[in-house]
Amino acid sequence: MHRLFPFLIAVFMLIAACQNRPEAVDSQQAQKWQKAWLAYRAHTDSLFKNADWSPIPAQQRAAFTHLNYYEYDPSWRLILILHRYAQAESVTVSGTKSGDLRPALRYGYFEFKHQGQPCRLEVIKILPHGKYKEADLFLGFWDKTSGSETYAGGRYVDLKPLGNDRYLVDFNYAYNPYCAYSHRYSCAIPPLQNRLPVAVRAGEKKYENHRNEKDHP
């Protein structure tokens, strides 16, 4: 399930001179992105505390105040080309609960460098199944922080299409699947290939890192 950006006003920016790299931005532009990100955080925290569908267990919501994030880092806001496979291979995406199998296609991949390190991420197209009536592009990943600073099961990033196979991939909005908060959920497991060789210190941290004792059931 995507945690969509309902009020993230994506700034359709000057096209970067070089593809598959962070945009060259000035401080004023970065401040605009950070302001939108802070609004997203506040909105998400409010929903997680108050919405009926919140993944935070009911007994923890009274004490819940906020999710925990790294500071906003514009270097992790990327415009990437999706390299589509000529023939999409049928695959099955497993959920974290036994028997949760989701039909999907190996749809394409992103390639980029961060601090000189080459990175590649597979993009999976999860097909309609069960209660889900539409296909969905899925980008889940692990990185050098997984299991220590961030959720061991990996994080997700929603993709914003910009046209001509270009996508905004902003790791500052990387988020935990719902099974990070409660065992009642089954969450899609990212492709095993999607283990980045770098530490993505952007986006959401491990939920347990900021709970206090009264947060626990």
N, C-alpha and C. Protein backbone atom coordinates (compact mmCIF):
# COMPACT_ATOMS: atom_id res chain seq x y z
N MET A 1 0.85 -1.19 0.00
CA MET A 1 0.00 0.00 0.00
C MET A 1 0.88 1.24 0.00
N HIS A 2 0.63 2.17 -0.86
CA HIS A 2 1.39 3.40 -0.88
C HIS A 2 0.95 4.30 0.26
N ARG A 3 1.91 5.00 0.83
CA ARG A 3 1.55 6.15 1.64
C ARG A 3 1.66 7.33 0.68
N LEU A 4 0.56 7.68 0.04
CA LEU A 4 0.59 8.66 -1.03
C LEU A 4 0.93 10.04 -0.50
N PHE A 5 1.33 10.93 -1.38
CA PHE A 5 1.68 12.29 -1.00
C PHE A 5 0.48 13.19 -1.30
N PRO A 6 -0.59 13.18 -0.53
CA PRO A 6 -1.79 13.91 -0.90
C PRO A 6 -1.59 15.40 -0.95
N PHE A 7 -0.66 15.91 -0.19
CA PHE A 7 -0.48 17.34 -0.18
C PHE A 7 0.96 17.71 -0.50
N LEU A 8 1.75 16.70 -0.91
CA LEU A 8 3.11 17.01 -1.38
C LEU A 8 2.98 17.69 -2.72
N ILE A 9 3.24 18.97 -2.76
CA ILE A 9 3.17 19.72 -4.01
C ILE A 9 4.50 19.57 -4.70
N ALA A 10 4.54 18.62 -5.58
CA ALA A 10 5.81 18.35 -6.26
C ALA A 10 6.16 19.55 -7.12
N VAL A 11 7.32 20.06 -6.92
CA VAL A 11 7.76 21.22 -7.69
C VAL A 11 8.35 20.72 -9.00
N PHE A 12 7.66 21.02 -10.09
CA PHE A 12 8.19 20.60 -11.38
C PHE A 12 9.30 21.56 -11.77
N MET A 13 10.46 21.03 -11.58
CA MET A 13 11.67 21.80 -11.53
C MET A 13 12.30 22.02 -12.91
N LEU A 14 13.32 22.87 -12.94
CA LEU A 14 14.17 22.95 -14.12
C LEU A 14 14.81 21.59 -14.33
N ILE A 15 14.73 21.08 -15.53
CA ILE A 15 15.25 19.74 -15.80
C ILE A 15 16.76 19.74 -15.58
N ALA A 16 17.20 18.75 -14.82
CA ALA A 16 18.62 18.67 -14.48
C ALA A 16 19.45 18.46 -15.74
N ALA A 17 20.61 19.07 -15.75
CA ALA A 17 21.48 18.95 -16.92
C ALA A 17 21.93 17.51 -17.11
N CYS A 18 22.11 16.79 -16.04
CA CYS A 18 22.55 15.40 -16.12
C CYS A 18 21.48 14.51 -15.55
N GLN A 19 21.08 13.50 -16.28
CA GLN A 19 20.08 12.57 -15.81
C GLN A 19 20.69 11.64 -14.77
N ASN A 20 19.77 11.05 -13.97
CA ASN A 20 20.15 10.05 -12.98
C ASN A 20 21.12 10.58 -11.93
N ARG A 21 21.04 11.87 -11.66
CA ARG A 21 21.82 12.47 -10.59
C ARG A 21 20.91 13.40 -9.81
N PRO A 22 21.28 13.76 -8.54
CA PRO A 22 20.51 14.78 -7.84
C PRO A 22 20.53 16.07 -8.62
N GLU A 23 19.43 16.81 -8.54
CA GLU A 23 19.38 18.09 -9.22
C GLU A 23 20.33 19.09 -8.58
N ALA A 24 20.86 19.97 -9.41
CA ALA A 24 21.59 21.10 -8.87
C ALA A 24 20.57 22.13 -8.41
N VAL A 25 20.56 22.44 -7.13
CA VAL A 25 19.53 23.33 -6.60
C VAL A 25 20.18 24.38 -5.72
N ASP A 26 19.48 25.50 -5.59
CA ASP A 26 19.93 26.52 -4.67
C ASP A 26 19.21 26.35 -3.33
N SER A 27 19.63 27.09 -2.35
CA SER A 27 19.09 26.93 -1.00
C SER A 27 17.61 27.26 -0.93
N GLN A 28 17.15 28.22 -1.74
CA GLN A 28 15.74 28.59 -1.72
C GLN A 28 14.87 27.44 -2.22
N GLN A 29 15.33 26.77 -3.27
CA GLN A 29 14.58 25.63 -3.79
C GLN A 29 14.56 24.50 -2.76
N ALA A 30 15.71 24.23 -2.15
CA ALA A 30 15.78 23.18 -1.14
C ALA A 30 14.86 23.48 0.04
N GLN A 31 14.74 24.73 0.41
CA GLN A 31 13.84 25.12 1.49
C GLN A 31 12.38 24.85 1.14
N LYS A 32 12.02 25.05 -0.13
CA LYS A 32 10.65 24.76 -0.57
C LYS A 32 10.36 23.27 -0.47
N TRP A 33 11.32 22.46 -0.90
CA TRP A 33 11.14 21.01 -0.80
C TRP A 33 11.03 20.58 0.65
N GLN A 34 11.88 21.16 1.50
CA GLN A 34 11.84 20.80 2.91
C GLN A 34 10.52 21.22 3.55
N LYS A 35 9.98 22.37 3.17
CA LYS A 35 8.71 22.82 3.72
C LYS A 35 7.59 21.85 3.35
N ALA A 36 7.57 21.40 2.09
CA ALA A 36 6.56 20.42 1.68
C ALA A 36 6.74 19.11 2.43
N TRP A 37 7.98 18.71 2.66
CA TRP A 37 8.28 17.48 3.41
C TRP A 37 7.82 17.58 4.85
N LEU A 38 8.04 18.72 5.48
CA LEU A 38 7.60 18.91 6.86
C LEU A 38 6.07 18.87 6.96
N ALA A 39 5.39 19.42 5.95
CA ALA A 39 3.93 19.34 5.93
C ALA A 39 3.46 17.90 5.79
N TYR A 40 4.14 17.14 4.94
CA TYR A 40 3.84 15.72 4.79
C TYR A 40 4.02 14.98 6.11
N ARG A 41 5.11 15.24 6.80
CA ARG A 41 5.36 14.59 8.09
C ARG A 41 4.25 14.91 9.09
N ALA A 42 3.88 16.17 9.20
CA ALA A 42 2.86 16.56 10.16
C ALA A 42 1.52 15.90 9.84
N HIS A 43 1.19 15.84 8.55
CA HIS A 43 -0.07 15.23 8.13
C HIS A 43 -0.06 13.74 8.42
N THR A 44 1.06 13.07 8.11
CA THR A 44 1.17 11.64 8.36
C THR A 44 1.08 11.33 9.84
N ASP A 45 1.77 12.11 10.67
CA ASP A 45 1.71 11.89 12.12
C ASP A 45 0.28 12.03 12.64
N SER A 46 -0.44 13.03 12.12
CA SER A 46 -1.83 13.23 12.54
C SER A 46 -2.70 12.03 12.17
N LEU A 47 -2.52 11.52 10.95
CA LEU A 47 -3.30 10.36 10.53
C LEU A 47 -2.94 9.12 11.35
N PHE A 48 -1.66 8.92 11.59
CA PHE A 48 -1.25 7.73 12.34
C PHE A 48 -1.78 7.77 13.77
N LYS A 49 -1.95 8.96 14.32
CA LYS A 49 -2.47 9.06 15.68
C LYS A 49 -3.99 8.97 15.74
N ASN A 50 -4.68 9.50 14.72
CA ASN A 50 -6.12 9.70 14.83
C ASN A 50 -6.99 8.89 13.88
N ALA A 51 -6.46 8.45 12.76
CA ALA A 51 -7.30 7.77 11.77
C ALA A 51 -7.68 6.37 12.23
N ASP A 52 -8.90 5.95 11.88
CA ASP A 52 -9.36 4.61 12.25
C ASP A 52 -8.47 3.53 11.66
N TRP A 53 -7.90 3.80 10.47
CA TRP A 53 -7.10 2.79 9.78
C TRP A 53 -5.63 2.81 10.20
N SER A 54 -5.26 3.66 11.16
CA SER A 54 -3.86 3.80 11.54
C SER A 54 -3.22 2.44 11.83
N PRO A 55 -2.00 2.22 11.33
CA PRO A 55 -1.31 0.96 11.63
C PRO A 55 -0.74 0.93 13.05
N ILE A 56 -0.70 2.05 13.74
CA ILE A 56 -0.23 2.07 15.12
C ILE A 56 -1.26 1.33 15.98
N PRO A 57 -0.86 0.32 16.72
CA PRO A 57 -1.83 -0.39 17.58
C PRO A 57 -2.60 0.57 18.47
N ALA A 58 -3.90 0.30 18.64
CA ALA A 58 -4.78 1.22 19.35
C ALA A 58 -4.26 1.57 20.73
N GLN A 59 -3.66 0.59 21.43
CA GLN A 59 -3.21 0.83 22.78
C GLN A 59 -1.99 1.73 22.85
N GLN A 60 -1.35 1.99 21.69
CA GLN A 60 -0.17 2.86 21.65
C GLN A 60 -0.48 4.28 21.18
N ARG A 61 -1.68 4.52 20.66
CA ARG A 61 -1.94 5.80 19.99
C ARG A 61 -2.00 6.97 20.95
N ALA A 62 -2.45 6.76 22.17
CA ALA A 62 -2.53 7.87 23.12
C ALA A 62 -1.14 8.45 23.38
N ALA A 63 -0.14 7.59 23.43
CA ALA A 63 1.23 8.05 23.70
C ALA A 63 1.98 8.44 22.43
N PHE A 64 1.45 8.05 21.27
CA PHE A 64 2.14 8.32 20.01
C PHE A 64 2.17 9.82 19.73
N THR A 65 3.33 10.32 19.33
CA THR A 65 3.46 11.73 18.97
C THR A 65 3.91 11.92 17.53
N HIS A 66 4.88 11.11 17.09
CA HIS A 66 5.40 11.31 15.74
C HIS A 66 6.23 10.11 15.32
N LEU A 67 6.38 9.97 14.02
CA LEU A 67 7.35 9.04 13.46
C LEU A 67 8.72 9.70 13.47
N ASN A 68 9.74 8.91 13.29
CA ASN A 68 11.10 9.40 13.40
C ASN A 68 11.76 9.40 12.02
N TYR A 69 12.34 10.53 11.66
CA TYR A 69 12.95 10.68 10.33
C TYR A 69 14.37 11.22 10.44
N TYR A 70 15.15 10.94 9.41
CA TYR A 70 16.39 11.66 9.20
C TYR A 70 16.06 13.10 8.80
N GLU A 71 17.05 13.98 8.92
CA GLU A 71 16.88 15.34 8.42
C GLU A 71 16.72 15.32 6.90
N TYR A 72 16.01 16.31 6.39
CA TYR A 72 15.81 16.38 4.94
C TYR A 72 17.16 16.55 4.24
N ASP A 73 17.38 15.75 3.20
CA ASP A 73 18.64 15.78 2.45
C ASP A 73 18.31 15.87 0.96
N PRO A 74 18.48 17.06 0.36
CA PRO A 74 18.12 17.21 -1.06
C PRO A 74 18.93 16.34 -1.99
N SER A 75 20.09 15.82 -1.54
CA SER A 75 20.89 14.96 -2.41
C SER A 75 20.21 13.62 -2.66
N TRP A 76 19.20 13.29 -1.84
CA TRP A 76 18.46 12.05 -2.04
C TRP A 76 17.14 12.29 -2.78
N ARG A 77 16.97 13.45 -3.36
CA ARG A 77 15.82 13.73 -4.23
C ARG A 77 16.30 13.58 -5.67
N LEU A 78 15.91 12.48 -6.30
CA LEU A 78 16.47 12.09 -7.59
C LEU A 78 15.42 12.11 -8.69
N ILE A 79 15.86 12.53 -9.88
CA ILE A 79 15.07 12.36 -11.09
C ILE A 79 15.75 11.24 -11.88
N LEU A 80 15.04 10.12 -12.04
CA LEU A 80 15.65 8.93 -12.64
C LEU A 80 14.87 8.46 -13.86
N ILE A 81 15.59 7.85 -14.78
CA ILE A 81 14.98 7.21 -15.94
C ILE A 81 14.65 5.76 -15.58
N LEU A 82 13.41 5.37 -15.83
CA LEU A 82 13.04 3.97 -15.65
C LEU A 82 13.38 3.21 -16.93
N HIS A 83 14.32 2.31 -16.82
CA HIS A 83 14.71 1.47 -17.95
C HIS A 83 13.79 0.24 -17.95
N ARG A 84 12.85 0.24 -18.86
CA ARG A 84 11.88 -0.86 -18.89
C ARG A 84 12.48 -2.08 -19.60
N TYR A 85 12.12 -3.23 -19.08
CA TYR A 85 12.54 -4.47 -19.74
C TYR A 85 11.71 -4.67 -21.01
N ALA A 86 12.38 -5.12 -22.06
CA ALA A 86 11.67 -5.36 -23.32
C ALA A 86 10.60 -6.42 -23.14
N GLN A 87 10.88 -7.43 -22.35
CA GLN A 87 9.90 -8.46 -22.03
C GLN A 87 9.81 -8.56 -20.51
N ALA A 88 8.68 -8.15 -19.97
CA ALA A 88 8.51 -8.16 -18.52
C ALA A 88 8.30 -9.60 -18.05
N GLU A 89 9.17 -10.04 -17.16
CA GLU A 89 9.11 -11.40 -16.65
C GLU A 89 8.09 -11.52 -15.53
N SER A 90 7.27 -12.56 -15.59
CA SER A 90 6.30 -12.81 -14.52
C SER A 90 7.03 -13.29 -13.27
N VAL A 91 6.70 -12.66 -12.14
CA VAL A 91 7.29 -13.06 -10.85
C VAL A 91 6.18 -13.04 -9.80
N THR A 92 6.51 -13.54 -8.64
CA THR A 92 5.58 -13.50 -7.52
C THR A 92 6.25 -12.74 -6.38
N VAL A 93 5.55 -11.74 -5.86
CA VAL A 93 6.04 -10.99 -4.71
C VAL A 93 5.46 -11.62 -3.46
N SER A 94 6.33 -12.01 -2.55
CA SER A 94 5.88 -12.61 -1.30
C SER A 94 5.60 -11.54 -0.26
N GLY A 95 4.58 -11.79 0.55
CA GLY A 95 4.33 -10.95 1.71
C GLY A 95 5.03 -11.52 2.93
N THR A 96 5.00 -10.78 4.00
CA THR A 96 5.67 -11.21 5.22
C THR A 96 4.90 -12.30 5.96
N LYS A 97 3.65 -12.52 5.60
CA LYS A 97 2.90 -13.62 6.19
C LYS A 97 2.83 -14.78 5.22
N SER A 98 2.87 -15.98 5.75
CA SER A 98 2.84 -17.19 4.93
C SER A 98 1.57 -17.21 4.08
N GLY A 99 1.74 -17.54 2.80
CA GLY A 99 0.60 -17.65 1.89
C GLY A 99 0.24 -16.37 1.18
N ASP A 100 0.88 -15.26 1.54
CA ASP A 100 0.61 -13.98 0.87
C ASP A 100 1.51 -13.90 -0.36
N LEU A 101 0.95 -14.23 -1.51
CA LEU A 101 1.67 -14.24 -2.77
C LEU A 101 0.97 -13.32 -3.76
N ARG A 102 1.72 -12.42 -4.37
CA ARG A 102 1.13 -11.39 -5.22
C ARG A 102 1.69 -11.50 -6.63
N PRO A 103 0.82 -11.64 -7.65
CA PRO A 103 1.31 -11.73 -9.03
C PRO A 103 1.92 -10.40 -9.46
N ALA A 104 3.02 -10.49 -10.18
CA ALA A 104 3.74 -9.26 -10.52
C ALA A 104 4.60 -9.47 -11.76
N LEU A 105 5.19 -8.37 -12.22
CA LEU A 105 6.11 -8.39 -13.35
C LEU A 105 7.39 -7.68 -12.96
N ARG A 106 8.53 -8.20 -13.42
CA ARG A 106 9.78 -7.44 -13.35
C ARG A 106 9.69 -6.39 -14.45
N TYR A 107 9.43 -5.16 -14.04
CA TYR A 107 9.02 -4.12 -14.97
C TYR A 107 10.19 -3.33 -15.54
N GLY A 108 11.18 -3.03 -14.69
CA GLY A 108 12.30 -2.22 -15.14
C GLY A 108 13.25 -1.96 -13.99
N TYR A 109 14.15 -0.99 -14.19
CA TYR A 109 15.12 -0.70 -13.13
C TYR A 109 15.59 0.75 -13.24
N PHE A 110 16.05 1.25 -12.10
CA PHE A 110 16.71 2.56 -12.02
C PHE A 110 18.20 2.34 -11.78
N GLU A 111 19.02 3.19 -12.37
CA GLU A 111 20.44 3.21 -12.08
C GLU A 111 20.85 4.63 -11.74
N PHE A 112 21.71 4.78 -10.73
CA PHE A 112 22.20 6.10 -10.36
C PHE A 112 23.46 5.93 -9.53
N LYS A 113 24.13 7.03 -9.28
CA LYS A 113 25.28 7.02 -8.39
C LYS A 113 24.99 7.96 -7.22
N HIS A 114 25.45 7.56 -6.05
CA HIS A 114 25.36 8.45 -4.90
C HIS A 114 26.70 8.44 -4.18
N GLN A 115 27.30 9.62 -4.09
CA GLN A 115 28.64 9.75 -3.51
C GLN A 115 29.62 8.78 -4.17
N GLY A 116 29.48 8.68 -5.49
CA GLY A 116 30.40 7.86 -6.28
C GLY A 116 30.07 6.39 -6.33
N GLN A 117 29.09 5.94 -5.55
CA GLN A 117 28.74 4.53 -5.51
C GLN A 117 27.64 4.22 -6.54
N PRO A 118 27.87 3.27 -7.46
CA PRO A 118 26.81 2.89 -8.40
C PRO A 118 25.70 2.12 -7.67
N CYS A 119 24.48 2.47 -7.99
CA CYS A 119 23.32 1.86 -7.35
C CYS A 119 22.31 1.44 -8.43
N ARG A 120 21.65 0.34 -8.19
CA ARG A 120 20.62 -0.15 -9.11
C ARG A 120 19.45 -0.68 -8.29
N LEU A 121 18.24 -0.35 -8.71
CA LEU A 121 17.03 -0.79 -8.03
C LEU A 121 16.04 -1.34 -9.03
N GLU A 122 15.56 -2.55 -8.76
CA GLU A 122 14.51 -3.16 -9.58
C GLU A 122 13.15 -2.55 -9.24
N VAL A 123 12.37 -2.31 -10.26
CA VAL A 123 10.99 -1.83 -10.09
C VAL A 123 10.06 -2.96 -10.48
N ILE A 124 9.16 -3.30 -9.59
CA ILE A 124 8.21 -4.39 -9.79
C ILE A 124 6.82 -3.81 -10.03
N LYS A 125 6.11 -4.38 -10.97
CA LYS A 125 4.72 -3.98 -11.20
C LYS A 125 3.82 -5.06 -10.60
N ILE A 126 3.19 -4.74 -9.47
CA ILE A 126 2.29 -5.69 -8.83
C ILE A 126 0.94 -5.62 -9.54
N LEU A 127 0.45 -6.74 -9.98
CA LEU A 127 -0.76 -6.81 -10.79
C LEU A 127 -2.01 -6.84 -9.91
N PRO A 128 -3.18 -6.52 -10.48
CA PRO A 128 -4.41 -6.58 -9.69
C PRO A 128 -4.61 -7.97 -9.09
N HIS A 129 -5.02 -8.00 -7.84
CA HIS A 129 -5.26 -9.27 -7.16
C HIS A 129 -6.12 -8.99 -5.93
N GLY A 130 -6.97 -9.94 -5.60
CA GLY A 130 -7.80 -9.80 -4.41
C GLY A 130 -8.58 -8.50 -4.41
N LYS A 131 -8.44 -7.74 -3.32
CA LYS A 131 -9.17 -6.47 -3.20
C LYS A 131 -8.50 -5.34 -3.97
N TYR A 132 -7.28 -5.57 -4.49
CA TYR A 132 -6.56 -4.53 -5.21
C TYR A 132 -6.91 -4.62 -6.70
N LYS A 133 -7.56 -3.60 -7.20
CA LYS A 133 -8.12 -3.63 -8.56
C LYS A 133 -7.21 -3.01 -9.60
N GLU A 134 -6.12 -2.38 -9.18
CA GLU A 134 -5.25 -1.72 -10.14
C GLU A 134 -3.81 -2.21 -9.98
N ALA A 135 -3.07 -2.16 -11.09
CA ALA A 135 -1.64 -2.48 -11.03
C ALA A 135 -0.91 -1.35 -10.31
N ASP A 136 0.23 -1.68 -9.73
CA ASP A 136 0.93 -0.73 -8.89
C ASP A 136 2.43 -0.92 -9.04
N LEU A 137 3.16 0.16 -9.34
CA LEU A 137 4.61 0.07 -9.38
C LEU A 137 5.15 0.07 -7.95
N PHE A 138 6.02 -0.88 -7.67
CA PHE A 138 6.51 -1.10 -6.32
C PHE A 138 8.03 -0.95 -6.30
N LEU A 139 8.51 -0.03 -5.44
CA LEU A 139 9.95 0.13 -5.24
C LEU A 139 10.23 -0.01 -3.75
N GLY A 140 10.76 -1.15 -3.40
CA GLY A 140 11.20 -1.40 -2.02
C GLY A 140 12.69 -1.65 -2.02
N PHE A 141 13.35 -1.32 -0.92
CA PHE A 141 14.81 -1.44 -0.90
C PHE A 141 15.32 -1.65 0.51
N TRP A 142 16.53 -2.19 0.58
CA TRP A 142 17.34 -2.19 1.79
C TRP A 142 18.57 -1.33 1.53
N ASP A 143 19.23 -0.90 2.61
CA ASP A 143 20.48 -0.17 2.47
C ASP A 143 21.34 -0.45 3.70
N LYS A 144 22.43 0.26 3.83
CA LYS A 144 23.38 -0.03 4.92
C LYS A 144 22.82 0.30 6.31
N THR A 145 21.70 1.02 6.36
CA THR A 145 21.10 1.32 7.67
C THR A 145 20.06 0.28 8.08
N SER A 146 19.68 -0.62 7.18
CA SER A 146 18.59 -1.56 7.45
C SER A 146 18.95 -2.49 8.60
N GLY A 147 18.03 -2.58 9.55
CA GLY A 147 18.24 -3.45 10.70
C GLY A 147 18.92 -2.77 11.86
N SER A 148 19.54 -1.62 11.62
CA SER A 148 20.18 -0.89 12.72
C SER A 148 19.45 0.43 12.95
N GLU A 149 19.55 1.33 11.99
CA GLU A 149 18.88 2.62 12.11
C GLU A 149 17.48 2.61 11.51
N THR A 150 17.26 1.73 10.55
CA THR A 150 15.96 1.67 9.87
C THR A 150 15.40 0.26 9.93
N TYR A 151 14.15 0.13 9.51
CA TYR A 151 13.43 -1.13 9.63
C TYR A 151 14.15 -2.26 8.89
N ALA A 152 14.30 -3.39 9.55
CA ALA A 152 15.06 -4.50 8.99
C ALA A 152 14.41 -5.08 7.74
N GLY A 153 13.10 -4.95 7.61
CA GLY A 153 12.39 -5.50 6.46
C GLY A 153 12.45 -4.63 5.22
N GLY A 154 13.19 -3.53 5.28
CA GLY A 154 13.30 -2.65 4.14
C GLY A 154 12.27 -1.53 4.17
N ARG A 155 12.48 -0.56 3.30
CA ARG A 155 11.56 0.59 3.21
C ARG A 155 11.03 0.70 1.78
N TYR A 156 9.98 1.49 1.62
CA TYR A 156 9.35 1.71 0.32
C TYR A 156 9.51 3.18 -0.07
N VAL A 157 9.49 3.42 -1.38
CA VAL A 157 9.45 4.78 -1.93
C VAL A 157 8.38 4.82 -3.00
N ASP A 158 7.48 5.79 -2.92
CA ASP A 158 6.49 5.98 -3.97
C ASP A 158 7.13 6.72 -5.15
N LEU A 159 6.69 6.39 -6.35
CA LEU A 159 7.25 6.96 -7.57
C LEU A 159 6.30 7.98 -8.16
N LYS A 160 6.81 9.13 -8.53
CA LYS A 160 5.98 10.16 -9.16
C LYS A 160 6.39 10.29 -10.62
N PRO A 161 5.51 9.91 -11.55
CA PRO A 161 5.88 9.99 -12.97
C PRO A 161 5.97 11.44 -13.44
N LEU A 162 6.98 11.71 -14.25
CA LEU A 162 7.19 13.04 -14.81
C LEU A 162 7.09 13.05 -16.33
N GLY A 163 6.81 11.88 -16.92
CA GLY A 163 6.72 11.77 -18.37
C GLY A 163 7.99 11.25 -18.99
N ASN A 164 7.84 10.58 -20.14
CA ASN A 164 8.99 10.06 -20.88
C ASN A 164 9.87 9.13 -20.04
N ASP A 165 9.21 8.31 -19.21
CA ASP A 165 9.90 7.34 -18.35
C ASP A 165 10.78 7.98 -17.29
N ARG A 166 10.58 9.27 -17.03
CA ARG A 166 11.29 9.95 -15.95
C ARG A 166 10.40 9.92 -14.70
N TYR A 167 11.05 9.68 -13.55
CA TYR A 167 10.32 9.61 -12.29
C TYR A 167 11.05 10.41 -11.22
N LEU A 168 10.26 11.05 -10.37
CA LEU A 168 10.80 11.62 -9.16
C LEU A 168 10.87 10.51 -8.12
N VAL A 169 12.07 10.24 -7.63
CA VAL A 169 12.30 9.22 -6.60
C VAL A 169 12.96 9.95 -5.42
N ASP A 170 12.16 10.33 -4.46
CA ASP A 170 12.65 11.14 -3.34
C ASP A 170 12.76 10.25 -2.10
N PHE A 171 13.97 9.88 -1.75
CA PHE A 171 14.19 8.99 -0.61
C PHE A 171 13.91 9.67 0.73
N ASN A 172 13.74 10.99 0.73
CA ASN A 172 13.31 11.66 1.95
C ASN A 172 11.92 11.22 2.37
N TYR A 173 11.17 10.66 1.42
CA TYR A 173 9.82 10.15 1.70
C TYR A 173 9.82 8.63 1.84
N ALA A 174 11.00 8.02 1.93
CA ALA A 174 11.05 6.57 2.15
C ALA A 174 10.33 6.25 3.46
N TYR A 175 9.49 5.23 3.43
CA TYR A 175 8.66 4.95 4.61
C TYR A 175 8.63 3.47 4.92
N ASN A 176 8.27 3.18 6.14
CA ASN A 176 8.17 1.80 6.60
C ASN A 176 6.87 1.17 6.13
N PRO A 177 6.89 -0.11 5.75
CA PRO A 177 5.63 -0.81 5.52
C PRO A 177 4.89 -0.97 6.85
N TYR A 178 3.59 -1.20 6.75
CA TYR A 178 2.77 -1.23 7.97
C TYR A 178 3.18 -2.33 8.94
N CYS A 179 3.80 -3.39 8.44
CA CYS A 179 4.20 -4.45 9.36
C CYS A 179 5.33 -4.01 10.29
N ALA A 180 5.92 -2.84 10.05
CA ALA A 180 6.90 -2.30 10.98
C ALA A 180 6.25 -1.84 12.28
N TYR A 181 4.94 -1.60 12.24
CA TYR A 181 4.23 -1.10 13.41
C TYR A 181 3.39 -2.16 14.10
N SER A 182 2.96 -3.16 13.33
CA SER A 182 2.07 -4.17 13.91
C SER A 182 2.20 -5.47 13.13
N HIS A 183 2.16 -6.59 13.85
CA HIS A 183 2.26 -7.91 13.22
C HIS A 183 0.97 -8.32 12.51
N ARG A 184 -0.07 -7.52 12.61
CA ARG A 184 -1.32 -7.92 11.96
C ARG A 184 -1.29 -7.70 10.45
N TYR A 185 -0.27 -7.02 9.97
CA TYR A 185 -0.16 -6.74 8.53
C TYR A 185 0.78 -7.73 7.85
N SER A 186 0.53 -7.93 6.56
CA SER A 186 1.46 -8.64 5.69
C SER A 186 1.94 -7.66 4.64
N CYS A 187 3.24 -7.51 4.51
CA CYS A 187 3.80 -6.47 3.65
C CYS A 187 4.68 -7.09 2.56
N ALA A 188 4.64 -6.49 1.40
CA ALA A 188 5.44 -6.97 0.27
C ALA A 188 6.93 -6.90 0.60
N ILE A 189 7.63 -7.98 0.33
CA ILE A 189 9.08 -8.03 0.57
C ILE A 189 9.80 -7.51 -0.67
N PRO A 190 10.70 -6.54 -0.52
CA PRO A 190 11.41 -6.01 -1.68
C PRO A 190 12.24 -7.09 -2.38
N PRO A 191 12.52 -6.92 -3.67
CA PRO A 191 13.40 -7.86 -4.37
C PRO A 191 14.74 -7.97 -3.67
N LEU A 192 15.27 -9.17 -3.63
CA LEU A 192 16.54 -9.38 -2.94
C LEU A 192 17.68 -8.59 -3.59
N GLN A 193 17.52 -8.27 -4.89
CA GLN A 193 18.56 -7.49 -5.58
C GLN A 193 18.63 -6.05 -5.08
N ASN A 194 17.57 -5.58 -4.44
CA ASN A 194 17.48 -4.17 -4.07
C ASN A 194 18.15 -3.87 -2.73
N ARG A 195 19.40 -4.29 -2.62
CA ARG A 195 20.20 -4.00 -1.44
C ARG A 195 21.26 -2.98 -1.83
N LEU A 196 21.01 -1.73 -1.49
CA LEU A 196 21.91 -0.66 -1.90
C LEU A 196 23.23 -0.73 -1.12
N PRO A 197 24.34 -0.43 -1.80
CA PRO A 197 25.65 -0.51 -1.15
C PRO A 197 25.99 0.74 -0.35
N VAL A 198 25.00 1.61 -0.13
CA VAL A 198 25.22 2.87 0.58
C VAL A 198 24.23 2.97 1.73
N ALA A 199 24.49 3.88 2.66
CA ALA A 199 23.56 4.18 3.75
C ALA A 199 22.63 5.30 3.30
N VAL A 200 21.34 5.00 3.20
CA VAL A 200 20.35 6.01 2.81
C VAL A 200 19.84 6.66 4.09
N ARG A 201 20.55 7.70 4.53
CA ARG A 201 20.13 8.42 5.74
C ARG A 201 19.19 9.54 5.33
N ALA A 202 18.05 9.09 4.84
CA ALA A 202 16.95 9.96 4.43
C ALA A 202 15.68 9.16 4.61
N GLY A 203 14.59 9.84 4.90
CA GLY A 203 13.32 9.16 5.09
C GLY A 203 13.12 8.68 6.52
N GLU A 204 12.22 7.71 6.66
CA GLU A 204 11.80 7.26 7.98
C GLU A 204 12.81 6.30 8.60
N LYS A 205 13.01 6.47 9.90
CA LYS A 205 13.87 5.57 10.67
C LYS A 205 13.04 4.43 11.26
N LYS A 206 13.74 3.58 12.01
CA LYS A 206 13.07 2.47 12.69
C LYS A 206 12.07 3.01 13.71
N TYR A 207 10.87 2.45 13.72
CA TYR A 207 9.84 2.91 14.65
C TYR A 207 10.27 2.76 16.10
N GLU A 208 10.92 1.66 16.43
CA GLU A 208 11.31 1.39 17.81
C GLU A 208 12.34 2.39 18.33
N ASN A 209 13.01 3.10 17.42
CA ASN A 209 14.06 4.02 17.86
C ASN A 209 13.53 5.18 18.70
N HIS A 210 12.24 5.49 18.61
CA HIS A 210 11.76 6.66 19.34
C HIS A 210 10.54 6.37 20.20
N ARG A 211 10.19 5.08 20.36
CA ARG A 211 9.12 4.76 21.29
C ARG A 211 9.68 4.77 22.70
N ASN A 212 8.88 5.22 23.64
CA ASN A 212 9.28 5.08 25.03
C ASN A 212 8.53 3.91 25.66
N GLU A 213 8.78 3.65 26.93
CA GLU A 213 8.23 2.45 27.55
C GLU A 213 6.71 2.42 27.52
N LYS A 214 6.07 3.58 27.68
CA LYS A 214 4.61 3.57 27.71
C LYS A 214 4.01 3.36 26.33
N ASP A 215 4.83 3.41 25.27
CA ASP A 215 4.34 3.13 23.93
C ASP A 215 4.10 1.64 23.75
N HIS A 216 4.79 0.81 24.52
CA HIS A 216 4.71 -0.63 24.32
C HIS A 216 3.45 -1.20 24.95
N PRO A 217 2.81 -2.21 24.32
CA PRO A 217 1.61 -2.80 24.92
C PRO A 217 1.96 -3.50 26.23
